[in-house]
Amino acid sequence: YLITTTILERGVTFPEIDLLVLGADNSVFSTSALVQIAGRVGRSVSRPDGDVIFICDRYTRKVKDAQKQIEFLNKKAKKLREGIS
């Protein structure tokens, strides 16, 4: 697992990683930042997916929304990989 600051939302890519976001409910993270950070997971042809774990004291609206967006985007990507649009 990679542990990082918000810098990971800025497009840094490390192939074949899993990710742990500590304090995902902290005000430093927005919903879009959490989604962008989660998008750094996998990122290689041999392993395009991976695990993202949000650690938080409270399951806040932004964490819930990020989780929903990530699930939606993953389903969409899976359909595209399978040739269904």
Protein backbone atom coordinates (compact mmCIF):
# COMPACT_ATOMS: atom_id res chain seq x y z
CA TYR A 1 0.00 0.00 0.00
CA LEU A 2 1.05 3.56 -0.70
CA ILE A 3 0.43 6.22 1.94
CA THR A 4 0.52 9.77 0.64
CA THR A 5 -0.65 13.34 1.03
CA THR A 6 -3.07 15.11 -1.30
CA ILE A 7 -0.26 15.34 -3.88
CA LEU A 8 -1.49 12.03 -5.30
CA GLU A 9 -4.62 13.70 -6.68
CA ARG A 10 -2.43 15.77 -9.00
CA GLY A 11 -1.74 13.04 -11.54
CA VAL A 12 1.27 11.23 -10.13
CA THR A 13 1.19 7.62 -11.29
CA PHE A 14 2.75 4.57 -9.67
CA PRO A 15 1.80 1.38 -11.52
CA GLU A 16 0.46 -1.66 -9.69
CA ILE A 17 -0.23 -0.03 -6.31
CA ASP A 18 -2.94 -0.32 -3.70
CA LEU A 19 -3.87 2.74 -1.70
CA LEU A 20 -4.78 3.68 1.85
CA VAL A 21 -6.17 7.17 2.53
CA LEU A 22 -5.81 8.04 6.21
CA GLY A 23 -8.28 10.61 7.50
CA ALA A 24 -10.43 10.51 4.37
CA ASP A 25 -13.09 12.47 6.25
CA ASN A 26 -10.66 15.33 6.96
CA SER A 27 -11.55 18.72 5.47
CA VAL A 28 -8.37 18.66 3.36
CA PHE A 29 -10.03 16.05 1.12
CA SER A 30 -12.98 16.88 -1.14
CA THR A 31 -15.13 14.28 -2.86
CA SER A 32 -13.37 14.96 -6.15
CA ALA A 33 -9.94 14.73 -4.49
CA LEU A 34 -10.81 11.31 -3.06
CA VAL A 35 -12.00 10.13 -6.48
CA GLN A 36 -8.84 11.45 -8.15
CA ILE A 37 -6.63 9.81 -5.54
CA ALA A 38 -8.46 6.51 -5.98
CA GLY A 39 -7.84 6.82 -9.72
CA ARG A 40 -4.12 6.35 -9.09
CA VAL A 41 -4.67 2.69 -8.15
CA GLY A 42 -3.54 -0.02 -10.54
CA ARG A 43 -2.60 1.98 -13.62
CA SER A 44 -0.83 -0.75 -15.56
CA VAL A 45 -1.79 -3.15 -18.34
CA SER A 46 -0.84 -6.15 -16.23
CA ARG A 47 -2.82 -4.87 -13.23
CA PRO A 48 -5.34 -2.18 -14.16
CA ASP A 49 -7.15 -2.31 -10.83
CA GLY A 50 -6.33 -2.48 -7.16
CA ASP A 51 -7.60 -1.78 -3.66
CA VAL A 52 -8.49 1.62 -2.22
CA ILE A 53 -9.22 1.90 1.48
CA PHE A 54 -10.58 5.09 3.03
CA ILE A 55 -9.83 5.27 6.77
CA CYS A 56 -12.04 7.80 8.55
CA ASP A 57 -13.51 8.59 11.95
CA ARG A 58 -16.89 9.45 10.41
CA TYR A 59 -18.51 8.09 7.27
CA THR A 60 -19.24 11.56 5.88
CA ARG A 61 -21.26 12.61 2.85
CA LYS A 62 -18.11 13.32 0.83
CA VAL A 63 -16.70 9.85 1.56
CA LYS A 64 -20.05 8.26 0.62
CA ASP A 65 -20.24 10.33 -2.57
CA ALA A 66 -16.66 9.44 -3.50
CA GLN A 67 -17.40 5.76 -2.97
CA LYS A 68 -20.52 5.98 -5.18
CA GLN A 69 -18.63 7.81 -7.94
CA ILE A 70 -15.78 5.30 -7.85
CA GLU A 71 -18.20 2.37 -8.05
CA PHE A 72 -20.03 4.02 -10.98
CA LEU A 73 -16.80 4.75 -12.85
CA ASN A 74 -15.50 1.23 -12.25
CA LYS A 75 -18.73 -0.27 -13.66
CA LYS A 76 -18.49 2.02 -16.68
CA ALA A 77 -14.85 1.06 -17.27
CA LYS A 78 -15.68 -2.63 -16.99
CA LYS A 79 -18.41 -2.28 -19.63
CA LEU A 80 -16.00 -0.45 -21.93
CA ARG A 81 -13.39 -3.19 -21.50
CA GLU A 82 -16.03 -5.77 -22.36
CA GLY A 83 -17.07 -3.81 -25.45
CA ILE A 84 -20.44 -2.69 -24.09
CA SER A 85 -21.13 1.05 -24.11
